[in-house]
Protein backbone atom coordinates (compact mmCIF):
# COMPACT_ATOMS: atom_id res chain seq x y z
CA MET A 1 -7.30 17.62 1.11
CA ALA A 2 -7.45 15.40 4.17
CA LEU A 3 -7.91 11.66 4.14
CA ASP A 4 -11.20 10.46 5.61
CA HIS A 5 -13.31 7.34 6.03
CA ASN A 6 -14.86 7.76 2.58
CA ALA A 7 -11.60 6.94 0.79
CA SER A 8 -12.01 4.18 -1.77
CA GLY A 9 -10.64 2.83 -5.02
CA VAL A 10 -6.96 2.05 -5.48
CA PHE A 11 -4.06 3.71 -3.63
CA PRO A 12 -1.01 1.99 -5.16
CA ILE A 13 1.93 1.44 -2.84
CA ALA A 14 4.63 3.22 -4.82
CA VAL A 15 8.15 1.91 -5.16
CA THR A 16 11.04 4.28 -4.60
CA PRO A 17 13.05 4.65 -7.83
CA PHE A 18 16.82 4.41 -7.54
CA LEU A 19 19.61 4.67 -10.08
CA PRO A 20 22.03 1.72 -10.36
CA ASP A 21 24.48 3.54 -8.06
CA GLY A 22 21.84 3.69 -5.29
CA SER A 23 21.04 7.39 -5.58
CA LEU A 24 17.46 8.59 -5.91
CA ASP A 25 16.15 8.65 -9.47
CA VAL A 26 14.36 11.98 -9.36
CA LYS A 27 13.23 11.78 -12.98
CA SER A 28 11.61 8.40 -12.41
CA VAL A 29 9.71 9.72 -9.40
CA ASP A 30 7.74 11.83 -11.88
CA SER A 31 7.31 9.06 -14.46
CA MET A 32 6.26 6.64 -11.72
CA THR A 33 3.68 9.09 -10.38
CA ASP A 34 2.34 9.67 -13.89
CA PHE A 35 2.15 5.90 -14.42
CA TYR A 36 0.03 5.36 -11.32
CA LEU A 37 -2.24 8.28 -12.13
CA GLY A 38 -2.60 7.05 -15.71
CA ALA A 39 -3.65 3.67 -14.33
CA GLY A 40 -6.64 5.31 -12.68
CA ALA A 41 -5.37 5.49 -9.09
CA THR A 42 -7.65 7.40 -6.74
CA GLY A 43 -4.75 8.00 -4.36
CA LEU A 44 -1.07 7.19 -3.86
CA THR A 45 0.83 5.73 -0.93
CA ILE A 46 4.55 6.35 -0.67
CA LEU A 47 7.33 5.30 1.72
CA GLY A 48 5.68 2.02 2.64
CA ILE A 49 7.42 -1.26 3.44
CA MET A 50 7.89 -2.04 -0.26
CA GLY A 51 9.00 1.54 -0.85
CA GLU A 52 12.32 0.84 0.91
CA ALA A 53 11.53 3.62 3.37
CA PRO A 54 14.02 2.49 6.06
CA LYS A 55 16.86 2.98 3.54
CA LEU A 56 16.08 6.69 3.11
CA GLU A 57 17.43 9.66 5.00
CA MET A 58 14.83 12.03 6.43
CA SER A 59 15.72 14.69 3.88
CA GLU A 60 15.20 12.17 1.07
CA SER A 61 11.82 11.09 2.45
CA LEU A 62 10.62 14.68 2.59
CA ALA A 63 12.01 15.44 -0.87
CA ILE A 64 10.16 12.47 -2.38
CA THR A 65 6.99 13.48 -0.56
CA LYS A 66 7.19 17.01 -1.92
CA GLN A 67 7.81 15.82 -5.47
CA VAL A 68 5.01 13.23 -5.50
CA VAL A 69 2.47 15.55 -3.85
CA GLN A 70 3.18 18.29 -6.36
CA ARG A 71 3.05 15.89 -9.30
CA ALA A 72 -0.14 14.19 -8.10
CA GLY A 73 -2.10 17.44 -7.98
CA ASN A 74 -5.55 16.81 -6.53
CA VAL A 75 -4.96 13.09 -5.99
CA PRO A 76 -4.46 12.39 -2.24
CA VAL A 77 -1.06 11.09 -1.13
CA VAL A 78 -0.58 8.98 2.00
CA VAL A 79 2.92 8.86 3.47
CA GLY A 80 4.28 5.97 5.50
CA VAL A 81 5.86 7.37 8.67
CA SER A 82 6.60 4.23 10.68
CA ALA A 83 9.86 4.58 12.57
CA PRO A 84 11.68 3.01 15.53
CA GLY A 85 11.20 6.18 17.57
CA PHE A 86 8.45 8.76 17.87
CA ALA A 87 10.74 11.73 17.25
CA ALA A 88 11.47 10.63 13.69
CA MET A 89 7.82 9.66 13.18
CA ARG A 90 6.66 13.09 14.29
CA GLN A 91 9.20 14.90 12.10
CA LEU A 92 8.20 13.00 8.98
CA ALA A 93 4.46 13.11 9.71
CA ARG A 94 4.36 16.85 10.41
CA GLY A 95 6.71 17.57 7.52
CA ALA A 96 4.65 15.48 5.09
CA MET A 97 1.41 17.21 6.05
CA GLU A 98 3.03 20.63 5.66
CA LEU A 99 4.02 19.57 2.13
CA GLY A 100 0.41 18.74 1.29
CA ALA A 101 0.02 15.04 2.09
CA ALA A 102 -3.53 13.84 2.76
CA GLY A 103 -2.56 11.60 5.67
CA VAL A 104 0.03 9.21 7.04
CA MET A 105 0.29 5.47 7.64
CA ILE A 106 1.58 3.86 10.83
CA ALA A 107 2.56 0.21 11.31
CA PRO A 108 3.12 -1.41 14.71
CA PRO A 109 6.70 -2.33 15.67
CA PRO A 110 7.35 -6.10 15.80
CA ALA A 111 7.95 -6.16 19.55
CA LEU A 112 4.28 -5.64 20.43
CA ARG A 113 2.51 -8.76 21.67
CA THR A 114 -0.41 -8.03 24.01
CA ASP A 115 -3.56 -6.08 23.25
CA ASP A 116 -2.62 -3.48 25.86
CA GLN A 117 0.81 -3.00 24.31
CA ILE A 118 -0.76 -2.49 20.90
CA THR A 119 -3.38 0.04 21.98
CA THR A 120 -0.87 1.89 24.16
CA TYR A 121 1.61 2.13 21.29
CA PHE A 122 -0.89 3.72 18.93
CA ALA A 123 -2.10 6.10 21.64
CA GLN A 124 1.49 7.25 22.09
CA ALA A 125 1.98 7.50 18.32
CA VAL A 126 -1.06 9.76 17.97
CA GLU A 127 0.16 11.85 20.87
CA ALA A 128 3.52 12.18 19.12
CA ILE A 129 2.30 13.21 15.65
CA GLY A 130 -0.75 15.13 16.83
CA ASP A 131 -4.42 14.17 16.72
CA ASP A 132 -5.01 16.59 13.84
CA ILE A 133 -3.30 14.28 11.32
CA PRO A 134 -5.53 11.65 9.67
CA TRP A 135 -3.84 8.28 9.65
CA VAL A 136 -4.02 4.74 8.35
CA LEU A 137 -3.61 1.74 10.66
CA GLN A 138 -1.51 -0.92 8.94
CA ASP A 139 -2.39 -4.49 9.92
CA TYR A 140 0.23 -6.81 8.40
CA PRO A 141 0.92 -9.67 10.83
CA LEU A 142 2.67 -11.87 8.27
CA THR A 143 5.59 -9.44 8.04
CA LEU A 144 5.31 -7.38 11.22
CA THR A 145 4.41 -10.36 13.49
CA VAL A 146 1.91 -8.22 15.40
CA VAL A 147 -1.54 -9.79 15.61
CA MET A 148 -4.41 -7.34 15.96
CA THR A 149 -7.82 -8.87 16.54
CA PRO A 150 -10.95 -7.15 15.19
CA LYS A 151 -11.75 -6.02 18.73
CA VAL A 152 -8.33 -4.41 19.13
CA ILE A 153 -8.73 -2.64 15.79
CA ARG A 154 -12.15 -1.44 16.89
CA THR A 155 -10.67 -0.11 20.14
CA ILE A 156 -7.99 1.83 18.27
CA MET A 157 -10.54 3.24 15.84
CA GLN A 158 -12.90 4.28 18.63
CA ASN A 159 -10.11 5.79 20.73
CA HIS A 160 -8.75 7.94 17.91
CA ALA A 161 -10.97 10.03 15.67
CA SER A 162 -7.94 10.72 13.50
CA CYS A 163 -7.65 7.03 12.52
CA VAL A 164 -9.82 6.87 9.41
CA MET A 165 -8.57 3.86 7.46
CA LEU A 166 -7.41 0.30 7.94
CA LYS A 167 -4.82 -1.13 5.59
CA HIS A 168 -5.89 -4.74 5.82
CA GLU A 169 -3.16 -7.29 5.12
CA ASP A 170 -4.02 -10.23 7.34
CA TRP A 171 -3.97 -13.72 5.85
CA PRO A 172 -6.38 -15.37 6.17
CA GLY A 173 -8.32 -12.18 6.68
CA LEU A 174 -11.68 -12.35 4.95
CA GLU A 175 -13.54 -13.02 8.19
CA LYS A 176 -11.80 -10.05 9.79
CA ILE A 177 -13.25 -7.74 7.15
CA SER A 178 -16.72 -9.19 7.71
CA THR A 179 -16.38 -8.79 11.48
CA LEU A 180 -15.29 -5.17 11.21
CA ARG A 181 -18.14 -4.32 8.86
CA GLY A 182 -20.42 -6.06 11.35
CA PHE A 183 -19.14 -3.74 14.08
CA GLN A 184 -20.05 -0.80 11.89
CA LYS A 185 -23.49 -2.20 11.22
CA ASP A 186 -24.31 -2.72 14.89
CA GLY A 187 -23.01 0.74 15.76
CA SER A 188 -20.13 -0.38 17.97
CA MET A 189 -17.51 1.07 15.59
CA LYS A 190 -17.43 4.24 13.54
CA PRO A 191 -17.38 4.04 9.73
CA ILE A 192 -13.88 3.44 8.38
CA SER A 193 -12.27 2.95 5.01
CA ILE A 194 -10.76 -0.50 4.44
CA LEU A 195 -8.17 -0.83 1.68
CA CYS A 196 -6.39 -4.13 1.21
CA GLY A 197 -2.73 -4.91 0.63
CA ASN A 198 -0.85 -8.22 0.61
CA GLY A 199 -0.07 -7.79 -3.07
CA GLY A 200 -3.76 -7.97 -3.94
CA LEU A 201 -3.63 -11.73 -3.46
CA PHE A 202 -7.20 -11.94 -2.15
CA LEU A 203 -8.65 -8.74 -3.56
CA ASP A 204 -11.27 -10.59 -5.60
CA PHE A 205 -13.02 -11.76 -2.44
CA GLU A 206 -11.97 -8.89 -0.16
CA THR A 207 -14.08 -6.49 -2.22
CA GLU A 208 -17.04 -8.84 -1.83
CA ARG A 209 -16.55 -8.88 1.95
CA GLY A 210 -16.79 -5.09 2.17
CA ALA A 211 -13.34 -3.71 1.38
CA ASP A 212 -13.40 -0.29 -0.29
CA GLY A 213 -10.50 -1.07 -2.60
CA ALA A 214 -6.80 -1.78 -2.64
CA MET A 215 -3.64 -0.27 -1.20
CA THR A 216 -0.94 -2.46 -2.65
CA GLY A 217 1.88 -2.31 -5.16
CA TYR A 218 1.21 -5.05 -7.71
CA ALA A 219 2.88 -4.00 -10.96
CA PHE A 220 -0.47 -3.78 -12.77
CA PRO A 221 -2.34 -1.12 -10.79
CA ASP A 222 -4.59 -0.61 -13.80
CA MET A 223 -5.84 -4.17 -13.33
CA LEU A 224 -6.56 -3.47 -9.66
CA VAL A 225 -8.54 -0.38 -10.64
CA GLU A 226 -10.56 -2.38 -13.16
CA LEU A 227 -11.18 -5.18 -10.67
CA VAL A 228 -12.44 -2.79 -8.00
CA ASP A 229 -14.73 -1.08 -10.53
CA LEU A 230 -16.16 -4.42 -11.67
CA ALA A 231 -16.76 -5.44 -8.06
CA ARG A 232 -18.58 -2.19 -7.35
CA GLN A 233 -20.84 -2.85 -10.32
CA GLY A 234 -21.52 -6.38 -9.17
CA ILE A 235 -20.06 -7.93 -12.33
CA ARG A 236 -18.71 -10.86 -10.38
CA ASP A 237 -17.65 -13.38 -13.01
CA GLU A 238 -15.84 -10.79 -15.11
CA ALA A 239 -14.01 -9.51 -12.03
CA HIS A 240 -12.87 -13.01 -11.11
CA ASP A 241 -11.88 -13.80 -14.69
CA LEU A 242 -9.66 -10.72 -14.75
CA PHE A 243 -8.14 -11.62 -11.39
CA ASP A 244 -7.55 -15.23 -12.41
CA ALA A 245 -5.61 -14.10 -15.51
CA HIS A 246 -3.19 -12.14 -13.32
CA LEU A 247 -2.97 -14.60 -10.44
CA PRO A 248 0.16 -16.50 -11.62
CA LEU A 249 2.20 -13.30 -11.88
CA LEU A 250 0.64 -11.90 -8.72
CA ARG A 251 1.60 -15.06 -6.85
CA TYR A 252 5.14 -14.95 -8.24
CA GLU A 253 5.50 -11.35 -7.08
CA GLN A 254 4.50 -12.36 -3.55
CA GLN A 255 7.64 -14.40 -2.92
CA GLN A 256 9.49 -13.34 0.19
CA GLY A 257 12.89 -11.87 -0.55
CA ILE A 258 12.50 -11.28 -4.28
CA GLY A 259 8.99 -9.79 -4.45
CA LEU A 260 10.21 -6.22 -4.71
CA ALA A 261 12.77 -7.18 -7.36
CA VAL A 262 9.98 -8.76 -9.44
CA ARG A 263 7.77 -5.73 -9.00
CA LYS A 264 10.47 -3.26 -9.98
CA TYR A 265 11.49 -5.39 -12.96
CA VAL A 266 7.94 -5.39 -14.34
CA LEU A 267 7.46 -1.69 -13.59
CA GLN A 268 10.66 -0.96 -15.51
CA LYS A 269 9.39 -2.99 -18.45
CA ARG A 270 6.12 -1.06 -18.34
CA GLY A 271 7.97 2.26 -18.46
CA ALA A 272 7.10 3.45 -14.97
CA ILE A 273 10.73 3.63 -13.79
CA ALA A 274 14.05 3.70 -15.61
CA SER A 275 15.84 1.11 -13.48
CA ASP A 276 14.81 -1.84 -11.31
CA ALA A 277 17.67 -1.09 -8.91
CA GLN A 278 17.19 -1.34 -5.16
CA ARG A 279 19.22 0.56 -2.62
CA LYS A 280 21.53 -1.75 -0.66
CA PRO A 281 20.85 -4.00 1.06
CA GLY A 282 18.60 -5.25 -1.70
CA GLY A 283 18.05 -8.18 -3.95
CA SER A 284 18.02 -8.68 -7.68
CA LEU A 285 16.63 -11.24 -10.10
CA THR A 286 18.78 -14.00 -11.54
CA ALA A 287 18.67 -14.71 -15.25
CA ALA A 288 16.45 -17.72 -14.52
CA ALA A 289 14.00 -15.62 -12.50
CA LYS A 290 13.81 -12.97 -15.21
CA ALA A 291 13.06 -15.68 -17.75
CA GLU A 292 10.23 -16.95 -15.55
CA VAL A 293 8.76 -13.46 -15.24
CA GLU A 294 8.99 -13.01 -19.00
CA TYR A 295 7.17 -16.31 -19.48
CA LEU A 296 4.41 -15.27 -17.08
CA LEU A 297 4.05 -11.92 -18.88
CA SER A 298 3.81 -13.66 -22.26
CA ARG A 299 1.06 -15.92 -20.98
CA LEU A 300 -0.76 -13.00 -19.36
CA ALA A 301 -0.57 -11.03 -22.61
CA LYS A 302 -2.82 -13.62 -24.27
CA ARG A 303 -5.62 -12.50 -21.96
CA ASP A 304 -4.63 -8.93 -21.06
CA ALA A 305 -2.97 -6.72 -23.67
CA ARG A 306 -1.44 -4.54 -20.97
CA ALA A 307 1.19 -7.24 -20.39
CA ARG A 308 2.57 -6.90 -23.94
CA ALA A 309 4.56 -3.81 -23.05
């Protein structure tokens, strides 16, 4: 099953489970996959930025890909293949597709600054992995420091038939979504799927601007699924009420430096993974931070029973 521009719904960005000693937690890879599928995910995305991908050896990345793809069954799996060099990118991309992945995701390296540098980089990336592999363009300037205008994104999409999805993570970025959908409407850009990341921080309005769903790792993917479904049905107030209930925890999870630690802590509490450990170098929550998360969960539980776990 190959990824295409019709992809929609929620593709959670999966964490990578580790044991306290830093080794891969193979058992939790299965429980994590089951958790996301049980939440109603329409797809899965592994080895992203919040999946600690740079800390993995190539053999580990391929082993995780194989395990998740097999466990997910008919649910499409997107694999992050961003790498400093194209040789490693090609090896992981081709290997992931051979294992049954639906597509790959590529982020620009931080050194890119001009429009020509950006378009040239992605042309070289496609040449390296092969134009037969469907791929997701990750636009995350807040972390990657690479600014891609709507026109640059349109150029990349038009130059490469294999680019079928945008992972939109710009902030502010609502106007960018509207502009891209406008390009589609006037015929100057092909139809693409737009899934939004950034922790889901603006998902309530992104869906209204034309996003097809979410590709992010907030620890309540079941809420994201419900929100996207409500938006599709046009039940606006209920969608925003649900989002507002989760916003304090969502905001807390978005903190630079400890965001992944918060996410893994909540996922552990929800039974998705056995340990909230990160592979070094990695952070952890202080007792004070854990108490704050617990307080946020207790408040959320008054409005959403899923937080009681």
